């Protein structure tokens, strides 16, 4: 999944991972589903090797390298 801040809207960060990365609740632009995960721009400084640039130019994160999984909270 895309982790790039530019693809998300209504970000709210009030938690952190055990390694100190901020966790956000957000929606992807054009969607009403709410997810929890990291922003690629934050993870870039933390674990650059986990970054993937998609053909669209948006950044994605290999959540497994961070020991995380993005999760859908509600539709």
PDB file of N, CA and C in Angstrom:
ATOM      1  N   UNK A   1       0.832  -1.182   0.000  1.00  0.00           N
ATOM      2  CA  UNK A   1       0.000   0.000   0.000  1.00  0.00           C
ATOM      3  C   UNK A   1       0.881   1.251   0.000  1.00  0.00           C
ATOM      4  N   UNK A   2       0.353   2.292  -0.531  1.00  0.00           N
ATOM      5  CA  UNK A   2       1.081   3.565  -0.559  1.00  0.00           C
ATOM      6  C   UNK A   2       1.109   4.149   0.851  1.00  0.00           C
ATOM      7  N   UNK A   3       2.271   4.603   1.253  1.00  0.00           N
ATOM      8  CA  UNK A   3       2.445   5.186   2.585  1.00  0.00           C
ATOM      9  C   UNK A   3       2.735   6.678   2.528  1.00  0.00           C
ATOM     10  N   UNK A   4       2.746   7.224   1.346  1.00  0.00           N
ATOM     11  CA  UNK A   4       3.108   8.621   1.110  1.00  0.00           C
ATOM     12  C   UNK A   4       2.053   9.573   1.671  1.00  0.00           C
ATOM     13  N   UNK A   5       2.508  10.556   2.421  1.00  0.00           N
ATOM     14  CA  UNK A   5       1.610  11.553   3.010  1.00  0.00           C
ATOM     15  C   UNK A   5       0.750  12.238   1.942  1.00  0.00           C
ATOM     16  N   UNK A   6       1.272  12.404   0.747  1.00  0.00           N
ATOM     17  CA  UNK A   6       0.545  13.102  -0.326  1.00  0.00           C
ATOM     18  C   UNK A   6      -0.690  12.341  -0.798  1.00  0.00           C
ATOM     19  N   UNK A   7      -0.764  11.038  -0.531  1.00  0.00           N
ATOM     20  CA  UNK A   7      -1.899  10.218  -0.966  1.00  0.00           C
ATOM     21  C   UNK A   7      -2.965  10.091   0.118  1.00  0.00           C
ATOM     22  N   UNK A   8      -2.719  10.734   1.254  1.00  0.00           N
ATOM     23  CA  UNK A   8      -3.592  10.561   2.419  1.00  0.00           C
ATOM     24  C   UNK A   8      -4.222  11.889   2.818  1.00  0.00           C
ATOM     25  N   UNK A   9      -5.325  11.786   3.527  1.00  0.00           N
ATOM     26  CA  UNK A   9      -6.006  12.973   4.011  1.00  0.00           C
ATOM     27  C   UNK A   9      -6.494  12.717   5.431  1.00  0.00           C
ATOM     28  N   UNK A  10      -6.811  13.781   6.120  1.00  0.00           N
ATOM     29  CA  UNK A  10      -7.317  13.703   7.495  1.00  0.00           C
ATOM     30  C   UNK A  10      -6.404  12.879   8.395  1.00  0.00           C
ATOM     31  N   UNK A  11      -5.123  13.214   8.401  1.00  0.00           N
ATOM     32  CA  UNK A  11      -4.143  12.522   9.228  1.00  0.00           C
ATOM     33  C   UNK A  11      -4.356  12.893  10.693  1.00  0.00           C
ATOM     34  N   UNK A  12      -4.245  11.938  11.532  1.00  0.00           N
ATOM     35  CA  UNK A  12      -4.266  12.200  12.971  1.00  0.00           C
ATOM     36  C   UNK A  12      -3.262  11.259  13.616  1.00  0.00           C
ATOM     37  N   UNK A  13      -2.234  11.820  14.213  1.00  0.00           N
ATOM     38  CA  UNK A  13      -1.205  11.004  14.847  1.00  0.00           C
ATOM     39  C   UNK A  13      -1.226  11.175  16.343  1.00  0.00           C
ATOM     40  N   UNK A  14      -1.494  10.099  17.048  1.00  0.00           N
ATOM     41  CA  UNK A  14      -1.514  10.207  18.507  1.00  0.00           C
ATOM     42  C   UNK A  14      -0.847   9.002  19.170  1.00  0.00           C
ATOM     43  N   UNK A  15      -0.174   8.190  18.377  1.00  0.00           N
ATOM     44  CA  UNK A  15       0.510   7.012  18.905  1.00  0.00           C
ATOM     45  C   UNK A  15       1.880   6.911  18.257  1.00  0.00           C
ATOM     46  N   UNK A  16       2.695   6.029  18.822  1.00  0.00           N
ATOM     47  CA  UNK A  16       4.010   5.760  18.248  1.00  0.00           C
ATOM     48  C   UNK A  16       4.261   4.260  18.239  1.00  0.00           C
ATOM     49  N   UNK A  17       5.122   3.845  17.320  1.00  0.00           N
ATOM     50  CA  UNK A  17       5.569   2.451  17.311  1.00  0.00           C
ATOM     51  C   UNK A  17       6.581   2.278  18.439  1.00  0.00           C
ATOM     52  N   UNK A  18       6.946   1.047  18.730  1.00  0.00           N
ATOM     53  CA  UNK A  18       7.935   0.795  19.782  1.00  0.00           C
ATOM     54  C   UNK A  18       9.296   1.387  19.429  1.00  0.00           C
ATOM     55  N   UNK A  19       9.536   1.628  18.138  1.00  0.00           N
ATOM     56  CA  UNK A  19      10.812   2.224  17.725  1.00  0.00           C
ATOM     57  C   UNK A  19      10.726   3.745  17.601  1.00  0.00           C
ATOM     58  N   UNK A  20       9.583   4.328  17.956  1.00  0.00           N
ATOM     59  CA  UNK A  20       9.460   5.779  17.976  1.00  0.00           C
ATOM     60  C   UNK A  20       8.856   6.423  16.742  1.00  0.00           C
ATOM     61  N   UNK A  21       8.488   5.634  15.721  1.00  0.00           N
ATOM     62  CA  UNK A  21       7.840   6.215  14.541  1.00  0.00           C
ATOM     63  C   UNK A  21       6.407   6.607  14.877  1.00  0.00           C
ATOM     64  N   UNK A  22       5.966   7.780  14.454  1.00  0.00           N
ATOM     65  CA  UNK A  22       4.571   8.164  14.689  1.00  0.00           C
ATOM     66  C   UNK A  22       3.618   7.269  13.902  1.00  0.00           C
ATOM     67  N   UNK A  23       2.522   6.884  14.537  1.00  0.00           N
ATOM     68  CA  UNK A  23       1.437   6.148  13.879  1.00  0.00           C
ATOM     69  C   UNK A  23       0.299   7.118  13.649  1.00  0.00           C
ATOM     70  N   UNK A  24      -0.315   7.029  12.498  1.00  0.00           N
ATOM     71  CA  UNK A  24      -1.394   7.937  12.120  1.00  0.00           C
ATOM     72  C   UNK A  24      -2.650   7.162  11.778  1.00  0.00           C
ATOM     73  N   UNK A  25      -3.776   7.776  12.031  1.00  0.00           N
ATOM     74  CA  UNK A  25      -5.037   7.321  11.464  1.00  0.00           C
ATOM     75  C   UNK A  25      -5.294   8.252  10.294  1.00  0.00           C
ATOM     76  N   UNK A  26      -5.714   7.694   9.162  1.00  0.00           N
ATOM     77  CA  UNK A  26      -5.852   8.501   7.947  1.00  0.00           C
ATOM     78  C   UNK A  26      -6.829   7.849   6.984  1.00  0.00           C
ATOM     79  N   UNK A  27      -7.174   8.595   5.970  1.00  0.00           N
ATOM     80  CA  UNK A  27      -7.936   8.097   4.829  1.00  0.00           C
ATOM     81  C   UNK A  27      -7.108   8.353   3.586  1.00  0.00           C
ATOM     82  N   UNK A  28      -7.213   7.433   2.628  1.00  0.00           N
ATOM     83  CA  UNK A  28      -6.608   7.700   1.329  1.00  0.00           C
ATOM     84  C   UNK A  28      -7.524   8.667   0.595  1.00  0.00           C
ATOM     85  N   UNK A  29      -6.952   9.549  -0.168  1.00  0.00           N
ATOM     86  CA  UNK A  29      -7.763  10.497  -0.942  1.00  0.00           C
ATOM     87  C   UNK A  29      -8.762   9.722  -1.793  1.00  0.00           C
ATOM     88  N   UNK A  30     -10.033  10.129  -1.753  1.00  0.00           N
ATOM     89  CA  UNK A  30     -11.080   9.477  -2.525  1.00  0.00           C
ATOM     90  C   UNK A  30     -11.697   8.270  -1.849  1.00  0.00           C
ATOM     91  N   UNK A  31     -11.314   7.972  -0.609  1.00  0.00           N
ATOM     92  CA  UNK A  31     -11.841   6.810   0.108  1.00  0.00           C
ATOM     93  C   UNK A  31     -12.363   7.239   1.472  1.00  0.00           C
ATOM     94  N   UNK A  32     -13.367   6.534   1.962  1.00  0.00           N
ATOM     95  CA  UNK A  32     -13.880   6.799   3.313  1.00  0.00           C
ATOM     96  C   UNK A  32     -13.327   5.835   4.347  1.00  0.00           C
ATOM     97  N   UNK A  33     -12.655   4.773   3.908  1.00  0.00           N
ATOM     98  CA  UNK A  33     -12.086   3.802   4.846  1.00  0.00           C
ATOM     99  C   UNK A  33     -10.987   4.471   5.666  1.00  0.00           C
ATOM    100  N   UNK A  34     -10.906   4.120   6.945  1.00  0.00           N
ATOM    101  CA  UNK A  34      -9.902   4.679   7.842  1.00  0.00           C
ATOM    102  C   UNK A  34      -8.855   3.603   8.123  1.00  0.00           C
ATOM    103  N   UNK A  35      -7.590   3.990   8.036  1.00  0.00           N
ATOM    104  CA  UNK A  35      -6.466   3.091   8.250  1.00  0.00           C
ATOM    105  C   UNK A  35      -5.571   3.632   9.356  1.00  0.00           C
ATOM    106  N   UNK A  36      -4.717   2.754   9.874  1.00  0.00           N
ATOM    107  CA  UNK A  36      -3.665   3.180  10.801  1.00  0.00           C
ATOM    108  C   UNK A  36      -2.346   2.661  10.240  1.00  0.00           C
ATOM    109  N   UNK A  37      -1.363   3.547  10.202  1.00  0.00           N
ATOM    110  CA  UNK A  37      -0.050   3.157   9.707  1.00  0.00           C
ATOM    111  C   UNK A  37       0.920   4.320   9.787  1.00  0.00           C
ATOM    112  N   UNK A  38       2.056   4.154   9.176  1.00  0.00           N
ATOM    113  CA  UNK A  38       3.090   5.186   9.202  1.00  0.00           C
ATOM    114  C   UNK A  38       3.051   6.011   7.925  1.00  0.00           C
ATOM    115  N   UNK A  39       3.698   7.136   7.967  1.00  0.00           N
ATOM    116  CA  UNK A  39       3.887   7.965   6.784  1.00  0.00           C
ATOM    117  C   UNK A  39       5.282   7.665   6.230  1.00  0.00           C
ATOM    118  N   UNK A  40       5.358   7.476   4.938  1.00  0.00           N
ATOM    119  CA  UNK A  40       6.633   7.140   4.304  1.00  0.00           C
ATOM    120  C   UNK A  40       7.697   8.192   4.606  1.00  0.00           C
ATOM    121  N   UNK A  41       7.307   9.441   4.647  1.00  0.00           N
ATOM    122  CA  UNK A  41       8.277  10.507   4.863  1.00  0.00           C
ATOM    123  C   UNK A  41       8.935  10.377   6.243  1.00  0.00           C
ATOM    124  N   UNK A  42       8.208   9.897   7.246  1.00  0.00           N
ATOM    125  CA  UNK A  42       8.794   9.678   8.574  1.00  0.00           C
ATOM    126  C   UNK A  42       9.680   8.437   8.562  1.00  0.00           C
ATOM    127  N   UNK A  43       9.214   7.380   7.914  1.00  0.00           N
ATOM    128  CA  UNK A  43       9.964   6.127   7.882  1.00  0.00           C
ATOM    129  C   UNK A  43      11.245   6.260   7.066  1.00  0.00           C
ATOM    130  N   UNK A  44      11.273   7.183   6.118  1.00  0.00           N
ATOM    131  CA  UNK A  44      12.450   7.391   5.278  1.00  0.00           C
ATOM    132  C   UNK A  44      13.680   7.706   6.121  1.00  0.00           C
ATOM    133  N   UNK A  45      13.534   8.556   7.120  1.00  0.00           N
ATOM    134  CA  UNK A  45      14.650   8.902   7.997  1.00  0.00           C
ATOM    135  C   UNK A  45      15.024   7.742   8.920  1.00  0.00           C
ATOM    136  N   UNK A  46      14.036   6.958   9.302  1.00  0.00           N
ATOM    137  CA  UNK A  46      14.217   5.871  10.267  1.00  0.00           C
ATOM    138  C   UNK A  46      14.859   4.637   9.620  1.00  0.00           C
ATOM    139  N   UNK A  47      14.311   4.181   8.507  1.00  0.00           N
ATOM    140  CA  UNK A  47      14.766   2.957   7.834  1.00  0.00           C
ATOM    141  C   UNK A  47      14.706   3.159   6.318  1.00  0.00           C
ATOM    142  N   UNK A  48      15.692   3.838   5.746  1.00  0.00           N
ATOM    143  CA  UNK A  48      15.664   4.128   4.310  1.00  0.00           C
ATOM    144  C   UNK A  48      15.518   2.881   3.432  1.00  0.00           C
ATOM    145  N   UNK A  49      16.049   1.752   3.871  1.00  0.00           N
ATOM    146  CA  UNK A  49      15.981   0.524   3.071  1.00  0.00           C
ATOM    147  C   UNK A  49      14.547   0.012   2.917  1.00  0.00           C
ATOM    148  N   UNK A  50      13.623   0.477   3.751  1.00  0.00           N
ATOM    149  CA  UNK A  50      12.229   0.027   3.697  1.00  0.00           C
ATOM    150  C   UNK A  50      11.409   0.806   2.664  1.00  0.00           C
ATOM    151  N   UNK A  51      12.004   1.803   2.027  1.00  0.00           N
ATOM    152  CA  UNK A  51      11.276   2.639   1.076  1.00  0.00           C
ATOM    153  C   UNK A  51      11.205   2.008  -0.303  1.00  0.00           C
ATOM    154  N   UNK A  52      10.054   2.179  -0.925  1.00  0.00           N
ATOM    155  CA  UNK A  52       9.819   1.726  -2.289  1.00  0.00           C
ATOM    156  C   UNK A  52       9.160   2.891  -3.020  1.00  0.00           C
ATOM    157  N   UNK A  53       9.733   3.288  -4.150  1.00  0.00           N
ATOM    158  CA  UNK A  53       9.073   4.328  -4.943  1.00  0.00           C
ATOM    159  C   UNK A  53       8.212   3.649  -5.995  1.00  0.00           C
ATOM    160  N   UNK A  54       6.922   3.939  -5.978  1.00  0.00           N
ATOM    161  CA  UNK A  54       5.969   3.338  -6.915  1.00  0.00           C
ATOM    162  C   UNK A  54       6.068   4.043  -8.267  1.00  0.00           C
ATOM    163  N   UNK A  55       5.607   3.414  -9.341  1.00  0.00           N
ATOM    164  CA  UNK A  55       5.629   4.054 -10.660  1.00  0.00           C
ATOM    165  C   UNK A  55       4.890   5.393 -10.674  1.00  0.00           C
ATOM    166  N   UNK A  56       3.918   5.561  -9.781  1.00  0.00           N
ATOM    167  CA  UNK A  56       3.166   6.815  -9.697  1.00  0.00           C
ATOM    168  C   UNK A  56       3.990   7.953  -9.115  1.00  0.00           C
ATOM    169  N   UNK A  57       5.152   7.610  -8.516  1.00  0.00           N
ATOM    170  CA  UNK A  57       5.967   8.612  -7.841  1.00  0.00           C
ATOM    171  C   UNK A  57       5.709   8.663  -6.345  1.00  0.00           C
ATOM    172  N   UNK A  58       4.643   8.020  -5.892  1.00  0.00           N
ATOM    173  CA  UNK A  58       4.357   7.963  -4.462  1.00  0.00           C
ATOM    174  C   UNK A  58       5.279   6.959  -3.783  1.00  0.00           C
ATOM    175  N   UNK A  59       5.535   7.191  -2.506  1.00  0.00           N
ATOM    176  CA  UNK A  59       6.374   6.292  -1.723  1.00  0.00           C
ATOM    177  C   UNK A  59       5.531   5.246  -1.005  1.00  0.00           C
ATOM    178  N   UNK A  60       6.078   4.068  -0.898  1.00  0.00           N
ATOM    179  CA  UNK A  60       5.471   2.992  -0.123  1.00  0.00           C
ATOM    180  C   UNK A  60       6.522   2.518   0.875  1.00  0.00           C
ATOM    181  N   UNK A  61       6.074   1.810   1.893  1.00  0.00           N
ATOM    182  CA  UNK A  61       6.962   1.301   2.931  1.00  0.00           C
ATOM    183  C   UNK A  61       6.807  -0.208   3.000  1.00  0.00           C
ATOM    184  N   UNK A  62       7.917  -0.914   3.106  1.00  0.00           N
ATOM    185  CA  UNK A  62       7.879  -2.342   3.383  1.00  0.00           C
ATOM    186  C   UNK A  62       7.646  -2.470   4.888  1.00  0.00           C
ATOM    187  N   UNK A  63       6.378  -2.600   5.274  1.00  0.00           N
ATOM    188  CA  UNK A  63       6.016  -2.636   6.695  1.00  0.00           C
ATOM    189  C   UNK A  63       6.734  -3.753   7.443  1.00  0.00           C
ATOM    190  N   UNK A  64       6.987  -4.856   6.771  1.00  0.00           N
ATOM    191  CA  UNK A  64       7.676  -5.974   7.407  1.00  0.00           C
ATOM    192  C   UNK A  64       9.066  -5.598   7.894  1.00  0.00           C
ATOM    193  N   UNK A  65       9.757  -4.724   7.151  1.00  0.00           N
ATOM    194  CA  UNK A  65      11.090  -4.274   7.574  1.00  0.00           C
ATOM    195  C   UNK A  65      11.018  -3.403   8.819  1.00  0.00           C
ATOM    196  N   UNK A  66       9.850  -2.817   9.063  1.00  0.00           N
ATOM    197  CA  UNK A  66       9.666  -1.981  10.245  1.00  0.00           C
ATOM    198  C   UNK A  66       9.017  -2.757  11.387  1.00  0.00           C
ATOM    199  N   UNK A  67       8.656  -4.016  11.119  1.00  0.00           N
ATOM    200  CA  UNK A  67       7.979  -4.819  12.135  1.00  0.00           C
ATOM    201  C   UNK A  67       6.544  -4.374  12.354  1.00  0.00           C
ATOM    202  N   UNK A  68       5.926  -3.824  11.307  1.00  0.00           N
ATOM    203  CA  UNK A  68       4.566  -3.281  11.404  1.00  0.00           C
ATOM    204  C   UNK A  68       3.663  -3.876  10.339  1.00  0.00           C
ATOM    205  N   UNK A  69       2.406  -3.555  10.458  1.00  0.00           N
ATOM    206  CA  UNK A  69       1.426  -3.851   9.419  1.00  0.00           C
ATOM    207  C   UNK A  69       0.399  -2.729   9.441  1.00  0.00           C
ATOM    208  N   UNK A  70       0.132  -2.123   8.289  1.00  0.00           N
ATOM    209  CA  UNK A  70      -0.951  -1.146   8.222  1.00  0.00           C
ATOM    210  C   UNK A  70      -2.245  -1.898   8.458  1.00  0.00           C
ATOM    211  N   UNK A  71      -3.176  -1.242   9.099  1.00  0.00           N
ATOM    212  CA  UNK A  71      -4.442  -1.914   9.362  1.00  0.00           C
ATOM    213  C   UNK A  71      -5.618  -1.019   9.030  1.00  0.00           C
ATOM    214  N   UNK A  72      -6.658  -1.654   8.493  1.00  0.00           N
ATOM    215  CA  UNK A  72      -7.898  -0.922   8.219  1.00  0.00           C
ATOM    216  C   UNK A  72      -8.704  -0.924   9.507  1.00  0.00           C
ATOM    217  N   UNK A  73      -9.106   0.255   9.942  1.00  0.00           N
ATOM    218  CA  UNK A  73      -9.860   0.378  11.188  1.00  0.00           C
ATOM    219  C   UNK A  73     -11.359   0.301  10.965  1.00  0.00           C
ATOM    220  N   UNK A  74     -11.823   0.947   9.909  1.00  0.00           N
ATOM    221  CA  UNK A  74     -13.272   0.925   9.608  1.00  0.00           C
ATOM    222  C   UNK A  74     -13.490   1.402   8.183  1.00  0.00           C
ATOM    223  N   UNK A  75     -14.664   1.057   7.662  1.00  0.00           N
ATOM    224  CA  UNK A  75     -15.032   1.441   6.300  1.00  0.00           C
ATOM    225  C   UNK A  75     -15.580   2.809   6.339  1.00  0.00           C
TER     226      UNK A  75
END
